Amino acid sequence: MPDTLPQTAASSLNSRWPESLRALRHRNYQLFFAGQLISLIGTWMDQVAEAWLVYRLTGSALLLGTVAFASQIPVFLLAPIGGALADRFDRRKILIFTQSSMMFLTFILAWVTLSHRVKIWQVVALAALTGVVNAIDLPARQAFVVDMVSRADLVNAIALNSSMFNGARVVGPALAGIVVAAIGEGWCFFANGVSFLAVIAGLAMMTIDRPRMAIEGSPLENIIEGFKFVGQSGPVRALMMLLGLVSFTAMPYAVLMPLFADKILHGGAQALGLLMGCSGVGALCGALTLAMRKSLKGLSLWVAVSCAGFGVALLVFSFSRTLWLSAVLLVPAGFCMMIQMASSNTLIQSMVPDRLRGRVMSVYAMTFMGMAPLGALLAGSLAHKLGAPMTVGIGGVVAMLGAAVFGSKLPAIRPAAREMIVAQQMAGGAPAQEMTGRVFTKTGDDPVLSDSGTQPVSSNL
């Protein structure tokens, strides 16, 4: 569907969808949303089942961290290549290739598990290969959002992506806990493989009419250009650094959930599904909260506050020895983690030029997903020596300290963030009056979308 619609058609579509679901007025995004929702339920089933399989085979916290490291370290190492590809080639075709490749690898894991031939080295190897594919998939998928929706709906689309991700995070672990306890991990892997068909079909049915931008220079020069943009843009750099810190120290708590479920809370696979599901409920609520927002006002403050809240929730969780209390505490943990992640994603995507989007989002993937494996390896090692509760508690304290430092820098980075966001809105060819009546003004401490709709973007800047 074209991004610019005749006024009557646009009015009809807007009336059909609530404001919080406005990105779904685009047919391409509808197909993407439906396919990804099904696929992500399978992915979450796979992750929980894989963690339980590794724990059942080895009983080792260190190996739990090792498998997580193997699956995510390729993102840290190879995401810049994926970002350069996403800016040079058709993102839809890239995603069809990566999703098909991950489906193939998942079916291999299902086969070796169901045939009772699975060994820990096979799990590690398949996790590493999936990580290589993910390094290409993640930047393309993040940058593809702007190809499916208008710039005016970009913020809502990012929030809905997070809602979809965490809606699946609620359902997937719960299903995995039941399936693993009843018939084993292999069937979770098989279900995940089948679920990829939904997103591949959705991508194949799309019609993308946005022309690709010509990118000059060698691939290496393109990659360096993306890093330079992040390094020289104070607001983007600050958001990335906080994401990297939290990904390294706090988010690896999920890697240790099998230990909490079995050794500390004595609940087994079903307790693991409950814990992961409660974290997903909180994250879903956080994503839906963001989807209700109509502007960027105050979003940078949300990043700081939610990061601190995530740290507090993890610290308190580390002291709990009761299953129901631990499950309840993971709700605010998931809520705050999602608010920080999705708010950071939204702000970064609002500041980055379209021609650099894939490369900048590859750096985002490196800091958010790429730092996680290093953190998972560290968390597994610390848990082996200090215990899982102490490890999670330390991560919570570090997250709180990071939030305090980021919050102290907000007054200095807000003006630059405001200028970058306004520049990209104007470069996108969407004058203020065309963006559903909302214009950028300078009336607040953060970039603001004002509902006045009566003056041009540049008048107050």
Protein backbone atom coordinates (compact mmCIF):
# COMPACT_ATOMS: atom_id res chain seq x y z
CA MET A 1 0.00 0.00 0.00
CA PRO A 2 1.43 3.40 -0.82
CA ASP A 3 2.48 5.50 2.11
CA THR A 4 0.56 8.54 0.86
CA LEU A 5 -3.16 7.88 0.51
CA PRO A 6 -5.92 10.06 -0.88
CA GLN A 7 -7.54 11.97 1.92
CA THR A 8 -10.85 10.07 1.78
CA ALA A 9 -9.13 6.68 1.72
CA ALA A 10 -6.86 7.66 4.57
CA SER A 11 -9.84 8.82 6.63
CA SER A 12 -11.63 5.53 5.99
CA LEU A 13 -8.61 3.49 7.07
CA ASN A 14 -7.99 5.60 10.15
CA SER A 15 -11.60 5.20 11.25
CA ARG A 16 -11.33 1.43 10.83
CA TRP A 17 -8.40 1.09 13.25
CA PRO A 18 -8.09 2.54 16.78
CA GLU A 19 -5.32 5.05 17.30
CA SER A 20 -3.25 2.48 19.22
CA LEU A 21 -3.38 0.10 16.20
CA ARG A 22 -3.00 2.68 13.44
CA ALA A 23 0.04 1.00 11.84
CA LEU A 24 -2.24 -1.93 10.95
CA ARG A 25 -3.99 0.21 8.35
CA HIS A 26 -1.11 -0.76 6.02
CA ARG A 27 -1.70 -4.11 4.27
CA ASN A 28 1.99 -5.02 4.26
CA TYR A 29 2.23 -4.48 7.99
CA GLN A 30 -0.92 -6.57 8.55
CA LEU A 31 0.76 -9.49 6.76
CA PHE A 32 3.99 -8.97 8.69
CA PHE A 33 2.21 -8.71 12.04
CA ALA A 34 0.13 -11.87 11.55
CA GLY A 35 3.04 -13.97 10.30
CA GLN A 36 5.47 -12.77 12.96
CA LEU A 37 2.97 -13.35 15.77
CA ILE A 38 2.63 -17.02 14.85
CA SER A 39 6.35 -17.44 14.25
CA LEU A 40 7.34 -15.76 17.51
CA ILE A 41 5.12 -18.05 19.57
CA GLY A 42 7.12 -20.91 18.09
CA THR A 43 10.38 -19.09 18.77
CA TRP A 44 9.57 -18.63 22.45
CA MET A 45 8.56 -22.28 22.74
CA ASP A 46 11.90 -23.17 21.18
CA GLN A 47 13.94 -20.97 23.54
CA VAL A 48 12.34 -22.33 26.69
CA ALA A 49 12.58 -25.91 25.46
CA GLU A 50 16.21 -25.46 24.44
CA ALA A 51 17.15 -24.03 27.83
CA TRP A 52 15.45 -26.94 29.57
CA LEU A 53 17.08 -29.46 27.21
CA VAL A 54 20.55 -28.09 27.95
CA TYR A 55 19.84 -28.12 31.67
CA ARG A 56 18.46 -31.68 31.51
CA LEU A 57 21.48 -32.92 29.57
CA THR A 58 24.14 -31.18 31.66
CA GLY A 59 22.71 -29.62 34.83
CA SER A 60 25.30 -26.87 34.33
CA ALA A 61 24.78 -23.12 34.71
CA LEU A 62 27.99 -22.59 32.76
CA LEU A 63 26.71 -24.55 29.76
CA LEU A 64 23.41 -22.67 29.85
CA GLY A 65 25.45 -19.51 29.45
CA THR A 66 27.62 -21.16 26.79
CA VAL A 67 24.65 -22.06 24.56
CA ALA A 68 23.23 -18.55 24.90
CA PHE A 69 26.68 -17.17 24.05
CA ALA A 70 26.96 -19.36 20.94
CA SER A 71 23.52 -18.29 19.69
CA GLN A 72 24.06 -14.56 20.12
CA ILE A 73 27.78 -13.80 19.70
CA PRO A 74 27.46 -13.96 15.88
CA VAL A 75 25.12 -10.97 16.11
CA PHE A 76 27.83 -8.98 17.87
CA LEU A 77 30.44 -9.96 15.30
CA LEU A 78 28.45 -10.01 12.06
CA ALA A 79 25.53 -7.57 12.48
CA PRO A 80 27.42 -4.72 10.72
CA ILE A 81 27.58 -6.89 7.59
CA GLY A 82 23.85 -7.52 7.92
CA GLY A 83 23.23 -3.79 8.25
CA ALA A 84 25.20 -3.02 5.09
CA LEU A 85 23.23 -5.69 3.21
CA ALA A 86 19.94 -4.25 4.50
CA ASP A 87 20.82 -0.81 3.09
CA ARG A 88 22.00 -2.17 -0.28
CA PHE A 89 19.50 -4.91 -1.16
CA ASP A 90 15.79 -5.74 -1.01
CA ARG A 91 15.02 -6.23 2.69
CA ARG A 92 11.96 -8.38 1.99
CA LYS A 93 14.03 -10.90 0.00
CA ILE A 94 16.72 -10.89 2.69
CA LEU A 95 14.08 -11.75 5.31
CA ILE A 96 12.60 -14.56 3.21
CA PHE A 97 16.09 -16.08 2.94
CA THR A 98 16.93 -15.71 6.65
CA GLN A 99 13.58 -17.01 7.89
CA SER A 100 13.81 -20.03 5.56
CA SER A 101 17.34 -20.75 6.79
CA MET A 102 16.28 -20.61 10.44
CA MET A 103 13.37 -22.93 9.70
CA PHE A 104 15.79 -25.47 8.20
CA LEU A 105 18.11 -25.33 11.23
CA THR A 106 15.17 -25.68 13.63
CA PHE A 107 13.94 -28.83 11.87
CA ILE A 108 17.43 -30.33 12.22
CA LEU A 109 17.34 -29.72 16.00
CA ALA A 110 13.85 -31.24 16.17
CA TRP A 111 15.03 -34.33 14.28
CA VAL A 112 18.09 -35.05 16.45
CA THR A 113 16.04 -34.48 19.61
CA LEU A 114 13.04 -36.59 18.61
CA SER A 115 15.34 -39.40 17.43
CA HIS A 116 17.12 -39.33 20.83
CA ARG A 117 20.48 -38.59 19.23
CA VAL A 118 20.90 -35.09 20.60
CA LYS A 119 24.24 -34.15 22.16
CA ILE A 120 25.20 -30.87 23.79
CA TRP A 121 27.72 -30.08 21.02
CA GLN A 122 24.94 -30.35 18.45
CA VAL A 123 22.81 -27.88 20.38
CA VAL A 124 25.74 -25.45 20.60
CA ALA A 125 26.58 -25.81 16.88
CA LEU A 126 23.00 -25.28 15.73
CA ALA A 127 22.64 -22.33 18.09
CA ALA A 128 25.76 -20.76 16.58
CA LEU A 129 24.53 -21.27 13.01
CA THR A 130 21.17 -19.75 13.90
CA GLY A 131 23.05 -16.80 15.38
CA VAL A 132 24.90 -16.25 12.09
CA VAL A 133 21.57 -16.10 10.24
CA ASN A 134 20.17 -13.80 12.94
CA ALA A 135 23.03 -11.38 12.37
CA ILE A 136 21.67 -10.84 8.85
CA ASP A 137 18.01 -11.03 9.85
CA LEU A 138 17.90 -8.56 12.74
CA PRO A 139 19.14 -5.37 11.04
CA ALA A 140 17.00 -6.08 7.97
CA ARG A 141 13.90 -6.74 10.10
CA GLN A 142 14.39 -3.59 12.18
CA ALA A 143 14.97 -1.42 9.09
CA PHE A 144 12.11 -3.10 7.17
CA VAL A 145 9.48 -1.49 9.41
CA VAL A 146 9.79 1.85 7.63
CA ASP A 147 9.26 0.08 4.27
CA MET A 148 5.87 -1.22 5.42
CA VAL A 149 4.32 1.87 7.05
CA SER A 150 4.34 5.62 6.62
CA ARG A 151 6.78 7.64 8.69
CA ALA A 152 3.85 9.05 10.68
CA ASP A 153 3.00 5.49 11.82
CA LEU A 154 6.59 4.39 12.51
CA VAL A 155 6.43 4.95 16.28
CA ASN A 156 3.20 2.95 16.53
CA ALA A 157 4.59 0.15 14.36
CA ILE A 158 7.65 -0.21 16.60
CA ALA A 159 5.41 -0.36 19.68
CA LEU A 160 3.14 -2.95 18.02
CA ASN A 161 6.21 -5.01 17.09
CA SER A 162 7.14 -5.06 20.76
CA SER A 163 3.56 -5.95 21.70
CA MET A 164 3.60 -8.82 19.22
CA PHE A 165 6.97 -10.03 20.49
CA ASN A 166 5.79 -10.06 24.07
CA GLY A 167 2.33 -11.38 23.37
CA ALA A 168 4.14 -14.39 21.95
CA ARG A 169 6.39 -14.31 25.00
CA VAL A 170 3.35 -14.86 27.21
CA VAL A 171 1.89 -17.73 25.17
CA GLY A 172 5.07 -19.46 23.99
CA PRO A 173 6.72 -20.26 27.35
CA ALA A 174 3.42 -21.41 28.84
CA LEU A 175 2.88 -23.79 25.92
CA ALA A 176 6.49 -24.93 26.12
CA GLY A 177 6.19 -25.76 29.80
CA ILE A 178 3.14 -27.94 29.09
CA VAL A 179 4.58 -29.61 25.98
CA VAL A 180 8.01 -30.29 27.50
CA ALA A 181 6.46 -31.82 30.61
CA ALA A 182 4.05 -33.95 28.54
CA ILE A 183 5.92 -35.13 25.43
CA GLY A 184 9.41 -33.60 25.45
CA GLU A 185 11.46 -30.77 24.00
CA GLY A 186 11.65 -32.10 20.43
CA TRP A 187 8.02 -31.31 19.66
CA CYS A 188 8.56 -27.70 20.71
CA PHE A 189 11.37 -27.48 18.17
CA PHE A 190 9.16 -29.05 15.50
CA ALA A 191 6.33 -26.60 16.23
CA ASN A 192 8.78 -23.71 15.90
CA GLY A 193 9.93 -24.99 12.52
CA VAL A 194 6.35 -25.14 11.24
CA SER A 195 5.63 -21.64 12.58
CA PHE A 196 8.23 -20.10 10.24
CA LEU A 197 5.90 -20.90 7.33
CA ALA A 198 3.53 -18.15 8.50
CA VAL A 199 6.05 -15.33 8.34
CA ILE A 200 7.55 -16.59 5.06
CA ALA A 201 4.08 -16.66 3.50
CA GLY A 202 3.34 -13.14 4.76
CA LEU A 203 6.58 -11.79 3.30
CA ALA A 204 5.90 -13.50 -0.04
CA MET A 205 2.45 -11.88 -0.27
CA MET A 206 3.73 -8.33 0.28
CA THR A 207 4.06 -5.66 -2.38
CA ILE A 208 6.81 -3.15 -1.58
CA ASP A 209 6.80 -0.10 -3.86
CA ARG A 210 9.34 2.02 -1.98
CA PRO A 211 12.46 2.42 -4.19
CA ARG A 212 15.82 1.40 -2.80
CA MET A 213 18.34 4.19 -2.24
CA ALA A 214 21.64 4.05 -4.12
CA ILE A 215 24.48 3.48 -1.64
CA GLU A 216 27.92 4.64 -2.74
CA GLY A 217 31.29 3.34 -1.59
CA SER A 218 32.61 -0.10 -0.70
CA PRO A 219 30.86 -2.35 1.83
CA LEU A 220 33.61 -1.61 4.37
CA GLU A 221 33.15 2.14 3.89
CA ASN A 222 29.40 1.69 4.31
CA ILE A 223 29.89 -0.17 7.60
CA ILE A 224 32.31 2.47 8.90
CA GLU A 225 29.84 5.21 7.96
CA GLY A 226 27.19 3.60 10.17
CA PHE A 227 29.54 3.41 13.15
CA LYS A 228 30.62 7.02 12.60
CA PHE A 229 27.02 8.19 12.70
CA VAL A 230 26.42 6.46 16.02
CA GLY A 231 29.73 7.65 17.48
CA GLN A 232 29.20 11.27 16.47
CA SER A 233 25.51 11.48 17.46
CA GLY A 234 25.40 12.11 21.21
CA PRO A 235 21.76 11.06 21.83
CA VAL A 236 22.07 7.87 19.77
CA ARG A 237 25.40 7.01 21.41
CA ALA A 238 23.97 7.49 24.92
CA LEU A 239 20.96 5.27 24.20
CA MET A 240 23.17 2.58 22.68
CA MET A 241 25.60 2.62 25.62
CA LEU A 242 22.81 2.20 28.17
CA LEU A 243 21.29 -0.64 26.12
CA GLY A 244 24.66 -2.35 25.89
CA LEU A 245 25.26 -2.06 29.63
CA VAL A 246 21.86 -3.49 30.55
CA SER A 247 22.14 -6.24 27.92
CA PHE A 248 25.52 -7.26 29.32
CA THR A 249 24.72 -7.19 33.03
CA ALA A 250 20.95 -7.41 33.65
CA MET A 251 19.14 -9.08 30.75
CA PRO A 252 21.07 -12.38 31.08
CA TYR A 253 18.84 -13.11 34.09
CA ALA A 254 16.67 -15.09 31.64
CA VAL A 255 19.55 -17.49 30.97
CA LEU A 256 19.51 -18.52 34.63
CA MET A 257 15.75 -19.14 34.82
CA PRO A 258 16.09 -22.96 34.59
CA LEU A 259 18.26 -22.83 37.74
CA PHE A 260 15.73 -20.69 39.57
CA ALA A 261 12.84 -22.91 38.44
CA ASP A 262 14.51 -26.17 39.54
CA LYS A 263 17.11 -25.62 42.26
CA ILE A 264 15.80 -22.50 44.01
CA LEU A 265 12.02 -22.58 43.53
CA HIS A 266 11.70 -26.38 43.06
CA GLY A 267 9.07 -26.20 40.31
CA GLY A 268 10.57 -27.92 37.26
CA ALA A 269 9.70 -27.23 33.61
CA GLN A 270 6.23 -25.89 34.37
CA ALA A 271 7.68 -23.36 36.82
CA LEU A 272 10.11 -22.27 34.11
CA GLY A 273 7.20 -21.67 31.74
CA LEU A 274 5.38 -19.70 34.45
CA LEU A 275 8.38 -17.49 35.22
CA MET A 276 9.09 -16.72 31.57
CA GLY A 277 5.40 -16.17 30.91
CA CYS A 278 5.07 -13.67 33.78
CA SER A 279 8.05 -11.75 32.47
CA GLY A 280 6.31 -11.76 29.11
CA VAL A 281 3.06 -10.44 30.62
CA GLY A 282 4.92 -7.48 32.04
CA ALA A 283 6.73 -6.86 28.76
CA LEU A 284 3.45 -7.05 26.83
CA CYS A 285 1.90 -4.47 29.14
CA GLY A 286 4.91 -2.23 28.59
CA ALA A 287 4.65 -2.53 24.81
CA LEU A 288 0.90 -1.80 24.86
CA THR A 289 1.57 1.24 27.04
CA LEU A 290 3.93 2.56 24.38
CA ALA A 291 1.43 1.78 21.61
CA MET A 292 -1.04 4.14 23.28
CA ARG A 293 1.38 7.06 23.06
CA LYS A 294 0.77 9.71 20.41
CA SER A 295 4.07 11.57 20.74
CA LEU A 296 7.72 11.30 21.68
CA LYS A 297 7.38 13.72 24.57
CA GLY A 298 9.12 12.47 27.71
CA LEU A 299 10.30 9.24 26.09
CA SER A 300 13.95 9.77 27.05
CA LEU A 301 12.91 10.11 30.70
CA TRP A 302 10.96 6.87 30.36
CA VAL A 303 14.20 5.18 29.29
CA ALA A 304 15.99 6.28 32.45
CA VAL A 305 13.14 5.50 34.85
CA SER A 306 12.35 2.11 33.31
CA CYS A 307 16.01 1.09 33.40
CA ALA A 308 16.14 1.90 37.11
CA GLY A 309 12.85 0.04 37.68
CA PHE A 310 14.21 -3.02 35.88
CA GLY A 311 17.22 -3.03 38.19
CA VAL A 312 15.09 -2.72 41.33
CA ALA A 313 12.78 -5.56 40.23
CA LEU A 314 15.74 -7.88 39.54
CA LEU A 315 17.37 -7.06 42.85
CA VAL A 316 14.22 -7.90 44.81
CA PHE A 317 13.64 -11.01 42.67
CA SER A 318 17.10 -12.29 43.59
CA PHE A 319 16.03 -12.51 47.27
CA SER A 320 12.76 -14.39 46.64
CA ARG A 321 12.54 -18.10 47.43
CA THR A 322 8.79 -18.49 46.78
CA LEU A 323 7.49 -19.37 43.32
CA TRP A 324 4.42 -17.13 43.32
CA LEU A 325 6.39 -14.12 44.62
CA SER A 326 9.16 -14.66 42.07
CA ALA A 327 6.59 -14.89 39.28
CA VAL A 328 4.90 -11.66 40.43
CA LEU A 329 8.23 -9.81 40.60
CA LEU A 330 9.04 -10.74 37.01
CA VAL A 331 5.99 -8.81 35.79
CA PRO A 332 7.45 -5.35 36.62
CA ALA A 333 10.86 -6.59 35.49
CA GLY A 334 9.47 -7.46 32.07
CA PHE A 335 7.45 -4.22 31.95
CA CYS A 336 10.45 -2.00 32.64
CA MET A 337 12.79 -3.94 30.36
CA MET A 338 10.36 -3.56 27.46
CA ILE A 339 9.76 0.15 28.09
CA GLN A 340 13.50 0.80 27.98
CA MET A 341 14.15 -1.35 24.92
CA ALA A 342 11.21 -0.19 22.80
CA SER A 343 11.57 3.47 23.81
CA SER A 344 15.24 3.40 22.86
CA ASN A 345 14.39 1.73 19.55
CA THR A 346 11.72 4.34 18.83
CA LEU A 347 13.99 7.29 19.59
CA ILE A 348 16.88 5.87 17.55
CA GLN A 349 14.67 5.09 14.55
CA SER A 350 13.21 8.61 14.75
CA MET A 351 16.70 10.15 14.60
CA VAL A 352 18.43 8.03 11.94
CA PRO A 353 18.40 8.96 8.21
CA ASP A 354 16.72 6.39 5.96
CA ARG A 355 19.87 5.74 3.95
CA LEU A 356 21.72 4.70 7.15
CA ARG A 357 18.83 2.88 8.81
CA GLY A 358 20.04 -0.68 8.24
CA ARG A 359 23.58 0.08 9.39
CA VAL A 360 22.53 2.01 12.48
CA MET A 361 20.06 -0.72 13.41
CA SER A 362 22.89 -3.22 13.05
CA VAL A 363 24.73 -1.32 15.78
CA TYR A 364 21.50 -1.42 17.79
CA ALA A 365 21.43 -5.20 17.27
CA MET A 366 25.07 -5.41 18.40
CA THR A 367 24.43 -3.49 21.61
CA PHE A 368 21.06 -5.01 22.45
CA MET A 369 21.41 -8.59 21.20
CA GLY A 370 25.17 -8.77 20.67
CA MET A 371 26.18 -7.85 24.22
CA ALA A 372 23.76 -10.42 25.63
CA PRO A 373 25.93 -13.46 24.81
CA LEU A 374 28.93 -11.95 26.55
CA GLY A 375 26.65 -11.24 29.50
CA ALA A 376 25.21 -14.75 29.35
CA LEU A 377 28.68 -16.27 29.47
CA LEU A 378 29.60 -14.02 32.39
CA ALA A 379 26.31 -14.78 34.15
CA GLY A 380 26.85 -18.52 33.77
CA SER A 381 30.38 -18.23 35.17
CA LEU A 382 29.32 -16.03 38.10
CA ALA A 383 26.34 -18.26 38.87
CA HIS A 384 28.68 -21.25 38.95
CA LYS A 385 30.83 -19.50 41.58
CA LEU A 386 28.47 -17.13 43.43
CA GLY A 387 25.06 -18.66 42.77
CA ALA A 388 22.24 -17.53 40.49
CA PRO A 389 20.55 -15.18 43.01
CA MET A 390 23.74 -13.20 43.68
CA THR A 391 24.44 -12.95 39.93
CA VAL A 392 20.97 -11.57 39.17
CA GLY A 393 21.19 -9.16 42.10
CA ILE A 394 24.49 -7.74 40.83
CA GLY A 395 22.94 -7.21 37.40
CA GLY A 396 20.08 -5.29 38.98
CA VAL A 397 22.43 -2.97 40.85
CA VAL A 398 24.44 -2.23 37.70
CA ALA A 399 21.24 -1.40 35.81
CA MET A 400 20.27 1.11 38.50
CA LEU A 401 23.70 2.75 38.34
CA GLY A 402 23.50 2.96 34.55
CA ALA A 403 20.08 4.59 34.77
CA ALA A 404 21.42 7.20 37.18
CA VAL A 405 24.30 8.12 34.86
CA PHE A 406 22.01 8.29 31.80
CA GLY A 407 19.50 10.43 33.68
CA SER A 408 22.23 12.88 34.67
CA LYS A 409 23.15 13.36 30.99
CA LEU A 410 19.61 13.96 29.73
CA PRO A 411 19.68 17.79 29.94
CA ALA A 412 22.78 17.86 27.75
CA ILE A 413 21.57 15.48 25.01
CA ARG A 414 17.91 16.57 24.65
CA PRO A 415 18.53 19.60 22.37
CA ALA A 416 20.57 17.51 19.90
CA ALA A 417 17.93 14.76 19.94
CA ARG A 418 15.20 17.30 19.20
CA GLU A 419 17.10 18.69 16.21
CA MET A 420 17.81 15.24 14.77
CA ILE A 421 14.19 14.10 15.04
CA VAL A 422 12.85 17.25 13.40
CA ALA A 423 15.42 16.98 10.60
CA GLN A 424 14.39 13.42 9.79
CA GLN A 425 10.68 14.27 9.79
CA MET A 426 11.34 17.06 7.30
CA ALA A 427 13.68 14.89 5.20
CA GLY A 428 10.99 12.22 5.06
CA GLY A 429 8.82 14.56 3.03
CA ALA A 430 6.11 14.75 5.68
CA PRO A 431 5.35 18.39 6.48
CA ALA A 432 3.89 18.79 9.92
CA GLN A 433 0.33 19.28 8.75
CA GLU A 434 0.37 15.98 6.86
CA MET A 435 1.38 13.93 9.89
CA THR A 436 -2.18 13.46 11.18
CA GLY A 437 -2.22 17.01 12.46
CA ARG A 438 0.81 16.71 14.75
CA VAL A 439 3.85 18.95 14.46
CA PHE A 440 7.18 19.16 16.20
CA THR A 441 7.54 22.08 18.56
CA LYS A 442 9.95 23.10 21.26
CA THR A 443 7.43 23.39 24.06
CA GLY A 444 8.89 20.66 26.26
CA ASP A 445 12.18 19.25 27.45
CA ASP A 446 11.93 16.42 24.93
CA PRO A 447 10.98 16.31 21.25
CA VAL A 448 7.24 17.00 21.24
CA LEU A 449 4.51 16.21 18.78
CA SER A 450 2.00 19.01 19.25
CA ASP A 451 -1.62 18.64 18.19
CA SER A 452 -1.97 22.25 17.06
CA GLY A 453 -1.32 21.47 13.42
CA THR A 454 -1.27 25.16 12.52
CA GLN A 455 2.36 26.13 12.01
CA PRO A 456 5.27 24.71 10.04
CA VAL A 457 7.91 22.55 11.66
CA SER A 458 10.65 25.14 11.44
CA SER A 459 8.77 28.03 13.03
CA ASN A 460 9.73 27.21 16.61
CA LEU A 461 13.17 25.73 15.88
